[in-house]
Amino acid sequence: MLRNGRPGLIGLAARTAVVTGTANAMGNRAANRRAQQAQEQQQQQYLQQQAWQAEQAQQAQQMQQAAPAPAAAPTGGVDLTAELMKLADLRTQGLLTDDEFAAAKAKLLS
């Protein structure tokens, strides 16, 4: 028996399967595209952070190279506390390493 204009039960099931499969495939495709975009964005942020850190390291190195030599041994009337504070400030600014600070401090105190 043939129905005019209306698909049978198997035809409805087949159409539903095709529509569902297509919708699922499109949803997966969109999800994959979003995941790829998120990954690319994270990688770009990582590269920007690495470039920023490299720039900061370069600036610190330039500042350290431009830093004046540690103060010479004090003569008679020099205020030790003021000199130590200056050295501590230079170390805090990153212009002196801990080893340079310790050496300059030892010179002042000897």
PDB file of N, CA and C in Angstrom:
ATOM      1  N   MET A   1       0.835  -1.154   0.000  1.00  0.00           N
ATOM      2  CA  MET A   1       0.000   0.000   0.000  1.00  0.00           C
ATOM      3  C   MET A   1       0.902   1.246   0.000  1.00  0.00           C
ATOM      4  N   LEU A   2       0.681   2.190  -0.829  1.00  0.00           N
ATOM      5  CA  LEU A   2       1.478   3.367  -1.020  1.00  0.00           C
ATOM      6  C   LEU A   2       0.720   4.582  -0.521  1.00  0.00           C
ATOM      7  N   ARG A   3       1.390   5.379   0.284  1.00  0.00           N
ATOM      8  CA  ARG A   3       0.749   6.586   0.795  1.00  0.00           C
ATOM      9  C   ARG A   3       1.125   7.757  -0.098  1.00  0.00           C
ATOM     10  N   ASN A   4       0.236   8.556  -0.355  1.00  0.00           N
ATOM     11  CA  ASN A   4       0.487   9.708  -1.215  1.00  0.00           C
ATOM     12  C   ASN A   4       0.945  10.902  -0.386  1.00  0.00           C
ATOM     13  N   GLY A   5       2.203  11.413  -0.674  1.00  0.00           N
ATOM     14  CA  GLY A   5       2.692  12.631  -0.073  1.00  0.00           C
ATOM     15  C   GLY A   5       3.269  12.509   1.318  1.00  0.00           C
ATOM     16  N   ARG A   6       3.050  11.427   2.004  1.00  0.00           N
ATOM     17  CA  ARG A   6       3.570  11.281   3.358  1.00  0.00           C
ATOM     18  C   ARG A   6       4.502  10.088   3.418  1.00  0.00           C
ATOM     19  N   PRO A   7       5.706  10.287   4.021  1.00  0.00           N
ATOM     20  CA  PRO A   7       6.624   9.142   4.129  1.00  0.00           C
ATOM     21  C   PRO A   7       6.129   8.171   5.196  1.00  0.00           C
ATOM     22  N   GLY A   8       6.570   6.969   5.081  1.00  0.00           N
ATOM     23  CA  GLY A   8       6.205   5.952   6.049  1.00  0.00           C
ATOM     24  C   GLY A   8       7.055   6.078   7.311  1.00  0.00           C
ATOM     25  N   LEU A   9       6.879   5.151   8.205  1.00  0.00           N
ATOM     26  CA  LEU A   9       7.589   5.159   9.474  1.00  0.00           C
ATOM     27  C   LEU A   9       9.094   5.068   9.266  1.00  0.00           C
ATOM     28  N   ILE A  10       9.537   4.244   8.363  1.00  0.00           N
ATOM     29  CA  ILE A  10      10.968   4.098   8.092  1.00  0.00           C
ATOM     30  C   ILE A  10      11.516   5.387   7.484  1.00  0.00           C
ATOM     31  N   GLY A  11      10.765   6.015   6.627  1.00  0.00           N
ATOM     32  CA  GLY A  11      11.187   7.280   6.028  1.00  0.00           C
ATOM     33  C   GLY A  11      11.333   8.375   7.078  1.00  0.00           C
ATOM     34  N   LEU A  12      10.404   8.441   8.034  1.00  0.00           N
ATOM     35  CA  LEU A  12      10.484   9.419   9.120  1.00  0.00           C
ATOM     36  C   LEU A  12      11.704   9.161  10.004  1.00  0.00           C
ATOM     37  N   ALA A  13      11.941   7.906  10.309  1.00  0.00           N
ATOM     38  CA  ALA A  13      13.093   7.550  11.133  1.00  0.00           C
ATOM     39  C   ALA A  13      14.395   7.904  10.413  1.00  0.00           C
ATOM     40  N   ALA A  14      14.452   7.650   9.104  1.00  0.00           N
ATOM     41  CA  ALA A  14      15.658   7.958   8.333  1.00  0.00           C
ATOM     42  C   ALA A  14      15.888   9.465   8.294  1.00  0.00           C
ATOM     43  N   ARG A  15      14.843  10.240   8.065  1.00  0.00           N
ATOM     44  CA  ARG A  15      14.964  11.694   8.022  1.00  0.00           C
ATOM     45  C   ARG A  15      15.423  12.230   9.380  1.00  0.00           C
ATOM     46  N   THR A  16      14.847  11.707  10.449  1.00  0.00           N
ATOM     47  CA  THR A  16      15.234  12.127  11.789  1.00  0.00           C
ATOM     48  C   THR A  16      16.704  11.812  12.048  1.00  0.00           C
ATOM     49  N   ALA A  17      17.148  10.644  11.613  1.00  0.00           N
ATOM     50  CA  ALA A  17      18.549  10.257  11.802  1.00  0.00           C
ATOM     51  C   ALA A  17      19.480  11.187  11.029  1.00  0.00           C
ATOM     52  N   VAL A  18      19.113  11.559   9.819  1.00  0.00           N
ATOM     53  CA  VAL A  18      19.947  12.439   9.007  1.00  0.00           C
ATOM     54  C   VAL A  18      20.020  13.823   9.650  1.00  0.00           C
ATOM     55  N   VAL A  19      18.879  14.353  10.081  1.00  0.00           N
ATOM     56  CA  VAL A  19      18.851  15.675  10.702  1.00  0.00           C
ATOM     57  C   VAL A  19      19.661  15.672  11.997  1.00  0.00           C
ATOM     58  N   THR A  20      19.473  14.645  12.818  1.00  0.00           N
ATOM     59  CA  THR A  20      20.197  14.542  14.085  1.00  0.00           C
ATOM     60  C   THR A  20      21.699  14.414  13.846  1.00  0.00           C
ATOM     61  N   GLY A  21      22.093  13.588  12.900  1.00  0.00           N
ATOM     62  CA  GLY A  21      23.506  13.402  12.587  1.00  0.00           C
ATOM     63  C   GLY A  21      24.139  14.684  12.079  1.00  0.00           C
ATOM     64  N   THR A  22      23.415  15.397  11.220  1.00  0.00           N
ATOM     65  CA  THR A  22      23.933  16.656  10.696  1.00  0.00           C
ATOM     66  C   THR A  22      24.084  17.687  11.807  1.00  0.00           C
ATOM     67  N   ALA A  23      23.087  17.790  12.658  1.00  0.00           N
ATOM     68  CA  ALA A  23      23.150  18.745  13.769  1.00  0.00           C
ATOM     69  C   ALA A  23      24.310  18.401  14.706  1.00  0.00           C
ATOM     70  N   ASN A  24      24.489  17.124  14.976  1.00  0.00           N
ATOM     71  CA  ASN A  24      25.585  16.683  15.848  1.00  0.00           C
ATOM     72  C   ASN A  24      26.941  17.019  15.218  1.00  0.00           C
ATOM     73  N   ALA A  25      27.082  16.753  13.934  1.00  0.00           N
ATOM     74  CA  ALA A  25      28.338  17.034  13.239  1.00  0.00           C
ATOM     75  C   ALA A  25      28.635  18.532  13.245  1.00  0.00           C
ATOM     76  N   MET A  26      27.641  19.352  13.020  1.00  0.00           N
ATOM     77  CA  MET A  26      27.836  20.802  13.008  1.00  0.00           C
ATOM     78  C   MET A  26      28.188  21.310  14.418  1.00  0.00           C
ATOM     79  N   GLY A  27      27.545  20.745  15.421  1.00  0.00           N
ATOM     80  CA  GLY A  27      27.861  21.125  16.800  1.00  0.00           C
ATOM     81  C   GLY A  27      29.290  20.767  17.156  1.00  0.00           C
ATOM     82  N   ASN A  28      29.733  19.583  16.754  1.00  0.00           N
ATOM     83  CA  ASN A  28      31.115  19.162  17.007  1.00  0.00           C
ATOM     84  C   ASN A  28      32.106  20.059  16.278  1.00  0.00           C
ATOM     85  N   ARG A  29      31.761  20.416  15.046  1.00  0.00           N
ATOM     86  CA  ARG A  29      32.633  21.276  14.259  1.00  0.00           C
ATOM     87  C   ARG A  29      32.786  22.650  14.927  1.00  0.00           C
ATOM     88  N   ALA A  30      31.691  23.201  15.405  1.00  0.00           N
ATOM     89  CA  ALA A  30      31.736  24.506  16.076  1.00  0.00           C
ATOM     90  C   ALA A  30      32.540  24.412  17.377  1.00  0.00           C
ATOM     91  N   ALA A  31      32.340  23.330  18.133  1.00  0.00           N
ATOM     92  CA  ALA A  31      33.069  23.149  19.385  1.00  0.00           C
ATOM     93  C   ALA A  31      34.575  23.018  19.114  1.00  0.00           C
ATOM     94  N   ASN A  32      34.938  22.279  18.073  1.00  0.00           N
ATOM     95  CA  ASN A  32      36.353  22.133  17.719  1.00  0.00           C
ATOM     96  C   ASN A  32      36.957  23.467  17.307  1.00  0.00           C
ATOM     97  N   ARG A  33      36.202  24.266  16.559  1.00  0.00           N
ATOM     98  CA  ARG A  33      36.688  25.573  16.127  1.00  0.00           C
ATOM     99  C   ARG A  33      36.911  26.484  17.341  1.00  0.00           C
ATOM    100  N   ARG A  34      35.967  26.470  18.298  1.00  0.00           N
ATOM    101  CA  ARG A  34      36.127  27.286  19.505  1.00  0.00           C
ATOM    102  C   ARG A  34      37.334  26.832  20.316  1.00  0.00           C
ATOM    103  N   ALA A  35      37.533  25.523  20.429  1.00  0.00           N
ATOM    104  CA  ALA A  35      38.678  24.996  21.174  1.00  0.00           C
ATOM    105  C   ALA A  35      39.990  25.397  20.505  1.00  0.00           C
ATOM    106  N   GLN A  36      40.034  25.342  19.178  1.00  0.00           N
ATOM    107  CA  GLN A  36      41.247  25.735  18.457  1.00  0.00           C
ATOM    108  C   GLN A  36      41.521  27.222  18.635  1.00  0.00           C
ATOM    109  N   GLN A  37      40.492  28.050  18.584  1.00  0.00           N
ATOM    110  CA  GLN A  37      40.680  29.487  18.782  1.00  0.00           C
ATOM    111  C   GLN A  37      41.175  29.776  20.189  1.00  0.00           C
ATOM    112  N   ALA A  38      40.632  29.073  21.184  1.00  0.00           N
ATOM    113  CA  ALA A  38      41.074  29.273  22.571  1.00  0.00           C
ATOM    114  C   ALA A  38      42.541  28.872  22.724  1.00  0.00           C
ATOM    115  N   GLN A  39      42.928  27.779  22.088  1.00  0.00           N
ATOM    116  CA  GLN A  39      44.314  27.326  22.163  1.00  0.00           C
ATOM    117  C   GLN A  39      45.251  28.342  21.496  1.00  0.00           C
ATOM    118  N   GLU A  40      44.850  28.866  20.350  1.00  0.00           N
ATOM    119  CA  GLU A  40      45.675  29.869  19.670  1.00  0.00           C
ATOM    120  C   GLU A  40      45.807  31.132  20.518  1.00  0.00           C
ATOM    121  N   GLN A  41      44.725  31.517  21.171  1.00  0.00           N
ATOM    122  CA  GLN A  41      44.754  32.707  22.025  1.00  0.00           C
ATOM    123  C   GLN A  41      45.686  32.487  23.213  1.00  0.00           C
ATOM    124  N   GLN A  42      45.631  31.309  23.822  1.00  0.00           N
ATOM    125  CA  GLN A  42      46.518  31.009  24.945  1.00  0.00           C
ATOM    126  C   GLN A  42      47.978  31.024  24.500  1.00  0.00           C
ATOM    127  N   GLN A  43      48.244  30.477  23.323  1.00  0.00           N
ATOM    128  CA  GLN A  43      49.611  30.450  22.825  1.00  0.00           C
ATOM    129  C   GLN A  43      50.098  31.876  22.552  1.00  0.00           C
ATOM    130  N   GLN A  44      49.228  32.706  21.997  1.00  0.00           N
ATOM    131  CA  GLN A  44      49.604  34.093  21.734  1.00  0.00           C
ATOM    132  C   GLN A  44      49.891  34.828  23.040  1.00  0.00           C
ATOM    133  N   GLN A  45      49.071  34.604  24.066  1.00  0.00           N
ATOM    134  CA  GLN A  45      49.307  35.232  25.364  1.00  0.00           C
ATOM    135  C   GLN A  45      50.619  34.754  25.963  1.00  0.00           C
ATOM    136  N   TYR A  46      50.905  33.469  25.821  1.00  0.00           N
ATOM    137  CA  TYR A  46      52.159  32.912  26.334  1.00  0.00           C
ATOM    138  C   TYR A  46      53.354  33.573  25.647  1.00  0.00           C
ATOM    139  N   LEU A  47      53.277  33.714  24.321  1.00  0.00           N
ATOM    140  CA  LEU A  47      54.375  34.328  23.588  1.00  0.00           C
ATOM    141  C   LEU A  47      54.546  35.795  23.971  1.00  0.00           C
ATOM    142  N   GLN A  48      53.439  36.501  24.185  1.00  0.00           N
ATOM    143  CA  GLN A  48      53.520  37.892  24.625  1.00  0.00           C
ATOM    144  C   GLN A  48      54.165  37.984  25.999  1.00  0.00           C
ATOM    145  N   GLN A  49      53.804  37.065  26.890  1.00  0.00           N
ATOM    146  CA  GLN A  49      54.381  37.065  28.232  1.00  0.00           C
ATOM    147  C   GLN A  49      55.885  36.780  28.163  1.00  0.00           C
ATOM    148  N   GLN A  50      56.278  35.839  27.314  1.00  0.00           N
ATOM    149  CA  GLN A  50      57.701  35.522  27.166  1.00  0.00           C
ATOM    150  C   GLN A  50      58.465  36.731  26.630  1.00  0.00           C
ATOM    151  N   ALA A  51      57.885  37.428  25.660  1.00  0.00           N
ATOM    152  CA  ALA A  51      58.530  38.616  25.099  1.00  0.00           C
ATOM    153  C   ALA A  51      58.653  39.698  26.164  1.00  0.00           C
ATOM    154  N   TRP A  52      57.621  39.872  26.970  1.00  0.00           N
ATOM    155  CA  TRP A  52      57.646  40.871  28.036  1.00  0.00           C
ATOM    156  C   TRP A  52      58.731  40.535  29.052  1.00  0.00           C
ATOM    157  N   GLN A  53      58.817  39.259  29.442  1.00  0.00           N
ATOM    158  CA  GLN A  53      59.832  38.848  30.407  1.00  0.00           C
ATOM    159  C   GLN A  53      61.239  39.044  29.847  1.00  0.00           C
ATOM    160  N   ALA A  54      61.423  38.744  28.567  1.00  0.00           N
ATOM    161  CA  ALA A  54      62.729  38.944  27.948  1.00  0.00           C
ATOM    162  C   ALA A  54      63.085  40.427  27.931  1.00  0.00           C
ATOM    163  N   GLU A  55      62.100  41.263  27.648  1.00  0.00           N
ATOM    164  CA  GLU A  55      62.334  42.715  27.643  1.00  0.00           C
ATOM    165  C   GLU A  55      62.689  43.204  29.040  1.00  0.00           C
ATOM    166  N   GLN A  56      61.992  42.700  30.057  1.00  0.00           N
ATOM    167  CA  GLN A  56      62.287  43.090  31.430  1.00  0.00           C
ATOM    168  C   GLN A  56      63.696  42.660  31.826  1.00  0.00           C
ATOM    169  N   ALA A  57      64.087  41.452  31.436  1.00  0.00           N
ATOM    170  CA  ALA A  57      65.428  40.959  31.754  1.00  0.00           C
ATOM    171  C   ALA A  57      66.487  41.810  31.059  1.00  0.00           C
ATOM    172  N   GLN A  58      66.220  42.197  29.822  1.00  0.00           N
ATOM    173  CA  GLN A  58      67.164  43.029  29.089  1.00  0.00           C
ATOM    174  C   GLN A  58      67.296  44.406  29.740  1.00  0.00           C
ATOM    175  N   GLN A  59      66.181  44.976  30.157  1.00  0.00           N
ATOM    176  CA  GLN A  59      66.225  46.274  30.824  1.00  0.00           C
ATOM    177  C   GLN A  59      66.989  46.179  32.143  1.00  0.00           C
ATOM    178  N   ALA A  60      66.764  45.118  32.885  1.00  0.00           N
ATOM    179  CA  ALA A  60      67.469  44.941  34.151  1.00  0.00           C
ATOM    180  C   ALA A  60      68.967  44.808  33.914  1.00  0.00           C
ATOM    181  N   GLN A  61      69.322  44.073  32.865  1.00  0.00           N
ATOM    182  CA  GLN A  61      70.743  43.912  32.548  1.00  0.00           C
ATOM    183  C   GLN A  61      71.359  45.249  32.150  1.00  0.00           C
ATOM    184  N   GLN A  62      70.636  46.045  31.357  1.00  0.00           N
ATOM    185  CA  GLN A  62      71.149  47.352  30.964  1.00  0.00           C
ATOM    186  C   GLN A  62      71.316  48.260  32.172  1.00  0.00           C
ATOM    187  N   MET A  63      70.356  48.205  33.099  1.00  0.00           N
ATOM    188  CA  MET A  63      70.452  49.018  34.307  1.00  0.00           C
ATOM    189  C   MET A  63      71.647  48.584  35.146  1.00  0.00           C
ATOM    190  N   GLN A  64      71.871  47.292  35.213  1.00  0.00           N
ATOM    191  CA  GLN A  64      72.976  46.785  36.017  1.00  0.00           C
ATOM    192  C   GLN A  64      74.314  47.191  35.401  1.00  0.00           C
ATOM    193  N   GLN A  65      74.385  47.170  34.075  1.00  0.00           N
ATOM    194  CA  GLN A  65      75.622  47.567  33.415  1.00  0.00           C
ATOM    195  C   GLN A  65      75.876  49.061  33.576  1.00  0.00           C
ATOM    196  N   ALA A  66      74.799  49.838  33.643  1.00  0.00           N
ATOM    197  CA  ALA A  66      74.934  51.288  33.771  1.00  0.00           C
ATOM    198  C   ALA A  66      75.117  51.728  35.221  1.00  0.00           C
ATOM    199  N   ALA A  67      74.990  50.794  36.155  1.00  0.00           N
ATOM    200  CA  ALA A  67      75.084  51.138  37.574  1.00  0.00           C
ATOM    201  C   ALA A  67      76.495  51.583  37.924  1.00  0.00           C
ATOM    202  N   PRO A  68      76.600  52.554  38.804  1.00  0.00           N
ATOM    203  CA  PRO A  68      77.940  52.993  39.220  1.00  0.00           C
ATOM    204  C   PRO A  68      78.620  51.894  40.039  1.00  0.00           C
ATOM    205  N   ALA A  69      79.924  51.937  40.039  1.00  0.00           N
ATOM    206  CA  ALA A  69      80.689  50.977  40.828  1.00  0.00           C
ATOM    207  C   ALA A  69      80.382  51.198  42.308  1.00  0.00           C
ATOM    208  N   PRO A  70      80.470  50.151  43.097  1.00  0.00           N
ATOM    209  CA  PRO A  70      80.214  50.312  44.526  1.00  0.00           C
ATOM    210  C   PRO A  70      81.133  51.384  45.121  1.00  0.00           C
ATOM    211  N   ALA A  71      80.624  52.051  46.104  1.00  0.00           N
ATOM    212  CA  ALA A  71      81.359  53.157  46.729  1.00  0.00           C
ATOM    213  C   ALA A  71      82.695  52.669  47.286  1.00  0.00           C
ATOM    214  N   ALA A  72      83.692  53.531  47.194  1.00  0.00           N
ATOM    215  CA  ALA A  72      85.016  53.204  47.727  1.00  0.00           C
ATOM    216  C   ALA A  72      84.963  53.215  49.258  1.00  0.00           C
ATOM    217  N   ALA A  73      85.986  52.688  49.847  1.00  0.00           N
ATOM    218  CA  ALA A  73      86.033  52.643  51.312  1.00  0.00           C
ATOM    219  C   ALA A  73      85.908  54.063  51.865  1.00  0.00           C
ATOM    220  N   PRO A  74      85.120  54.223  52.889  1.00  0.00           N
ATOM    221  CA  PRO A  74      84.891  55.563  53.437  1.00  0.00           C
ATOM    222  C   PRO A  74      86.142  56.122  54.106  1.00  0.00           C
ATOM    223  N   THR A  75      86.208  57.412  54.058  1.00  0.00           N
ATOM    224  CA  THR A  75      87.281  58.083  54.778  1.00  0.00           C
ATOM    225  C   THR A  75      86.703  58.623  56.063  1.00  0.00           C
ATOM    226  N   GLY A  76      87.531  59.045  56.930  1.00  0.00           N
ATOM    227  CA  GLY A  76      87.203  59.497  58.268  1.00  0.00           C
ATOM    228  C   GLY A  76      85.762  59.854  58.586  1.00  0.00           C
ATOM    229  N   GLY A  77      85.182  60.927  58.022  1.00  0.00           N
ATOM    230  CA  GLY A  77      83.910  61.437  58.502  1.00  0.00           C
ATOM    231  C   GLY A  77      82.680  60.969  57.744  1.00  0.00           C
ATOM    232  N   VAL A  78      82.690  59.818  57.095  1.00  0.00           N
ATOM    233  CA  VAL A  78      81.526  59.351  56.328  1.00  0.00           C
ATOM    234  C   VAL A  78      80.536  58.664  57.254  1.00  0.00           C
ATOM    235  N   ASP A  79      79.263  58.947  57.042  1.00  0.00           N
ATOM    236  CA  ASP A  79      78.195  58.342  57.843  1.00  0.00           C
ATOM    237  C   ASP A  79      77.932  56.925  57.331  1.00  0.00           C
ATOM    238  N   LEU A  80      78.299  55.916  58.126  1.00  0.00           N
ATOM    239  CA  LEU A  80      78.132  54.519  57.720  1.00  0.00           C
ATOM    240  C   LEU A  80      76.673  54.162  57.463  1.00  0.00           C
ATOM    241  N   THR A  81      75.785  54.644  58.300  1.00  0.00           N
ATOM    242  CA  THR A  81      74.374  54.318  58.147  1.00  0.00           C
ATOM    243  C   THR A  81      73.843  54.825  56.811  1.00  0.00           C
ATOM    244  N   ALA A  82      74.196  56.032  56.436  1.00  0.00           N
ATOM    245  CA  ALA A  82      73.737  56.601  55.167  1.00  0.00           C
ATOM    246  C   ALA A  82      74.296  55.800  53.997  1.00  0.00           C
ATOM    247  N   GLU A  83      75.563  55.420  54.076  1.00  0.00           N
ATOM    248  CA  GLU A  83      76.174  54.644  53.002  1.00  0.00           C
ATOM    249  C   GLU A  83      75.517  53.274  52.871  1.00  0.00           C
ATOM    250  N   LEU A  84      75.236  52.638  54.004  1.00  0.00           N
ATOM    251  CA  LEU A  84      74.564  51.338  53.963  1.00  0.00           C
ATOM    252  C   LEU A  84      73.150  51.459  53.386  1.00  0.00           C
ATOM    253  N   MET A  85      72.463  52.547  53.709  1.00  0.00           N
ATOM    254  CA  MET A  85      71.116  52.771  53.169  1.00  0.00           C
ATOM    255  C   MET A  85      71.172  52.953  51.651  1.00  0.00           C
ATOM    256  N   LYS A  86      72.198  53.675  51.177  1.00  0.00           N
ATOM    257  CA  LYS A  86      72.356  53.862  49.731  1.00  0.00           C
ATOM    258  C   LYS A  86      72.574  52.525  49.042  1.00  0.00           C
ATOM    259  N   LEU A  87      73.439  51.703  49.635  1.00  0.00           N
ATOM    260  CA  LEU A  87      73.693  50.378  49.055  1.00  0.00           C
ATOM    261  C   LEU A  87      72.428  49.523  49.052  1.00  0.00           C
ATOM    262  N   ALA A  88      71.667  49.585  50.139  1.00  0.00           N
ATOM    263  CA  ALA A  88      70.422  48.815  50.219  1.00  0.00           C
ATOM    264  C   ALA A  88      69.433  49.282  49.158  1.00  0.00           C
ATOM    265  N   ASP A  89      69.369  50.592  48.922  1.00  0.00           N
ATOM    266  CA  ASP A  89      68.484  51.128  47.882  1.00  0.00           C
ATOM    267  C   ASP A  89      68.911  50.638  46.501  1.00  0.00           C
ATOM    268  N   LEU A  90      70.208  50.633  46.240  1.00  0.00           N
ATOM    269  CA  LEU A  90      70.703  50.136  44.955  1.00  0.00           C
ATOM    270  C   LEU A  90      70.357  48.666  44.758  1.00  0.00           C
ATOM    271  N   ARG A  91      70.473  47.904  45.833  1.00  0.00           N
ATOM    272  CA  ARG A  91      70.117  46.484  45.742  1.00  0.00           C
ATOM    273  C   ARG A  91      68.622  46.320  45.508  1.00  0.00           C
ATOM    274  N   THR A  92      67.799  47.096  46.191  1.00  0.00           N
ATOM    275  CA  THR A  92      66.349  47.025  46.035  1.00  0.00           C
ATOM    276  C   THR A  92      65.936  47.389  44.611  1.00  0.00           C
ATOM    277  N   GLN A  93      66.619  48.350  44.012  1.00  0.00           N
ATOM    278  CA  GLN A  93      66.318  48.764  42.641  1.00  0.00           C
ATOM    279  C   GLN A  93      66.825  47.754  41.619  1.00  0.00           C
ATOM    280  N   GLY A  94      67.595  46.799  42.060  1.00  0.00           N
ATOM    281  CA  GLY A  94      68.118  45.788  41.158  1.00  0.00           C
ATOM    282  C   GLY A  94      69.413  46.203  40.488  1.00  0.00           C
ATOM    283  N   LEU A  95      69.999  47.280  40.953  1.00  0.00           N
ATOM    284  CA  LEU A  95      71.246  47.749  40.358  1.00  0.00           C
ATOM    285  C   LEU A  95      72.458  47.021  40.922  1.00  0.00           C
ATOM    286  N   LEU A  96      72.300  46.404  42.093  1.00  0.00           N
ATOM    287  CA  LEU A  96      73.365  45.602  42.698  1.00  0.00           C
ATOM    288  C   LEU A  96      72.832  44.200  42.968  1.00  0.00           C
ATOM    289  N   THR A  97      73.665  43.206  42.727  1.00  0.00           N
ATOM    290  CA  THR A  97      73.286  41.844  43.098  1.00  0.00           C
ATOM    291  C   THR A  97      73.557  41.666  44.591  1.00  0.00           C
ATOM    292  N   ASP A  98      73.076  40.570  45.139  1.00  0.00           N
ATOM    293  CA  ASP A  98      73.309  40.304  46.564  1.00  0.00           C
ATOM    294  C   ASP A  98      74.809  40.175  46.855  1.00  0.00           C
ATOM    295  N   ASP A  99      75.546  39.567  45.936  1.00  0.00           N
ATOM    296  CA  ASP A  99      76.988  39.403  46.140  1.00  0.00           C
ATOM    297  C   ASP A  99      77.697  40.756  46.115  1.00  0.00           C
ATOM    298  N   GLU A 100      77.314  41.624  45.170  1.00  0.00           N
ATOM    299  CA  GLU A 100      77.925  42.956  45.098  1.00  0.00           C
ATOM    300  C   GLU A 100      77.589  43.766  46.349  1.00  0.00           C
ATOM    301  N   PHE A 101      76.354  43.630  46.809  1.00  0.00           N
ATOM    302  CA  PHE A 101      75.935  44.331  48.021  1.00  0.00           C
ATOM    303  C   PHE A 101      76.775  43.872  49.213  1.00  0.00           C
ATOM    304  N   ALA A 102      76.942  42.543  49.334  1.00  0.00           N
ATOM    305  CA  ALA A 102      77.706  42.004  50.459  1.00  0.00           C
ATOM    306  C   ALA A 102      79.163  42.475  50.406  1.00  0.00           C
ATOM    307  N   ALA A 103      79.742  42.528  49.206  1.00  0.00           N
ATOM    308  CA  ALA A 103      81.123  42.969  49.074  1.00  0.00           C
ATOM    309  C   ALA A 103      81.262  44.445  49.450  1.00  0.00           C
ATOM    310  N   ALA A 104      80.335  45.279  48.963  1.00  0.00           N
ATOM    311  CA  ALA A 104      80.397  46.701  49.274  1.00  0.00           C
ATOM    312  C   ALA A 104      80.163  46.936  50.763  1.00  0.00           C
ATOM    313  N   LYS A 105      79.280  46.168  51.357  1.00  0.00           N
ATOM    314  CA  LYS A 105      78.994  46.299  52.800  1.00  0.00           C
ATOM    315  C   LYS A 105      80.233  45.921  53.615  1.00  0.00           C
ATOM    316  N   ALA A 106      80.896  44.853  53.169  1.00  0.00           N
ATOM    317  CA  ALA A 106      82.100  44.412  53.870  1.00  0.00           C
ATOM    318  C   ALA A 106      83.185  45.494  53.796  1.00  0.00           C
ATOM    319  N   LYS A 107      83.306  46.157  52.644  1.00  0.00           N
ATOM    320  CA  LYS A 107      84.280  47.248  52.491  1.00  0.00           C
ATOM    321  C   LYS A 107      83.961  48.390  53.461  1.00  0.00           C
ATOM    322  N   LEU A 108      82.678  48.719  53.545  1.00  0.00           N
ATOM    323  CA  LEU A 108      82.291  49.821  54.433  1.00  0.00           C
ATOM    324  C   LEU A 108      82.570  49.500  55.895  1.00  0.00           C
ATOM    325  N   LEU A 109      82.297  48.285  56.279  1.00  0.00           N
ATOM    326  CA  LEU A 109      82.424  47.915  57.692  1.00  0.00           C
ATOM    327  C   LEU A 109      83.850  47.599  58.098  1.00  0.00           C
ATOM    328  N   SER A 110      84.731  47.394  57.135  1.00  0.00           N
ATOM    329  CA  SER A 110      86.125  47.083  57.520  1.00  0.00           C
ATOM    330  C   SER A 110      86.970  48.296  57.688  1.00  0.00           C
TER     331      SER A 110
END
